[in-house]
Amino acid sequence: MDTPRGATFTHIDTACGLIEVGGWRLLTDPTFDEPGKTYRFGWGTSSQKTARPALSPEQVGAVDAVLLSHDQHSDNFDTAGRAFALEAPIILTTKIGAKRLEASDEEALAFGMAPGDSYALSDNRRPDVTITAVAARHRPAHWPEFVSGPVIGFVIESEALTGGAVYITGDTLLTPEVRDVAQHFDVGTLIPHVGAAGFPKITRSARFTMTADDVADLAREGDVPLVIPIHTSGWSHLLEGTEALVSAFAERGIARRLTVPVSGVPVPLT
């Protein structure tokens, strides 16, 4: 077999992106709704979507799998994104998320994963791809999990990824478990969910995703050569944009590792 090599990442909307690896097409956290609507996130919190997706579902086209970090928040899984995901051959998500999807649609094919679980994509035309779920924590440490619900990140490995594995953090804070991922995998590309998400009127200083400083520290500690940040804008609860990331990476002397994606434009991963 003539093995395809290389990969690209195309940012589409919030945490939604298309990863193309050796002929495989993987879509993360699908969101395709138009801006303007306010969505409820529970516990009195809400957020308005303020940006339009760079690509429509039709422009994205067919994918081989959807990698859904969690199904309970609309900035990661909205109405149009859900419709798209249900047409995919497989949805990889949390165990409770898979149960909810299959309970709501008898034709849904969802595979529930806990940290450490892996799923393989394989055929005789393309190099194998292994997707491993890794830990994420979408809330402050002293808050119970039911406040935000379970979340997972993903590590993608393949011989087509000549620069190393791709690590998508999912919505998470910087935890010891997140730091450990770069120690257990040969991470060549980090795709972190950033934005310092918060609801100051309700939760005051509490944050629910990483800050720019968190991501810069993670990249430096893990010696990750390429960082492509997502989940940085497009919603009113995302409080920190890409300017903070540029500053944080420059302050640590690792500015060259950061590539801020232009939505709709593929970024090479090797």
Foldseek 3Di string as FASTA:
>chain_A
DPAAAFWWWFAWAFLWIWIAFRNAIEIELDDADAFDDKDDQDPPDIKGFADGTPDHLVRSDAHAEYEYQDDRDCSRANDRNLVSRQPHPEYEYAPVRQVVNCVVPVSRHYDHADAQDKDWDDDPNYWIKIKGWFAFQQWDPVDDCVSNHGGTWIWIDTVSLVQFIETEGTFHEQDPRLLCVLVVGVHQEYEYQEQQFDDCVRPNNIGGHYYLLSVLVSCVSSVHQAYEYGNQDRMPRRHHHCVRNCVNNVVVVNNNRYDHHDHPDIDISD
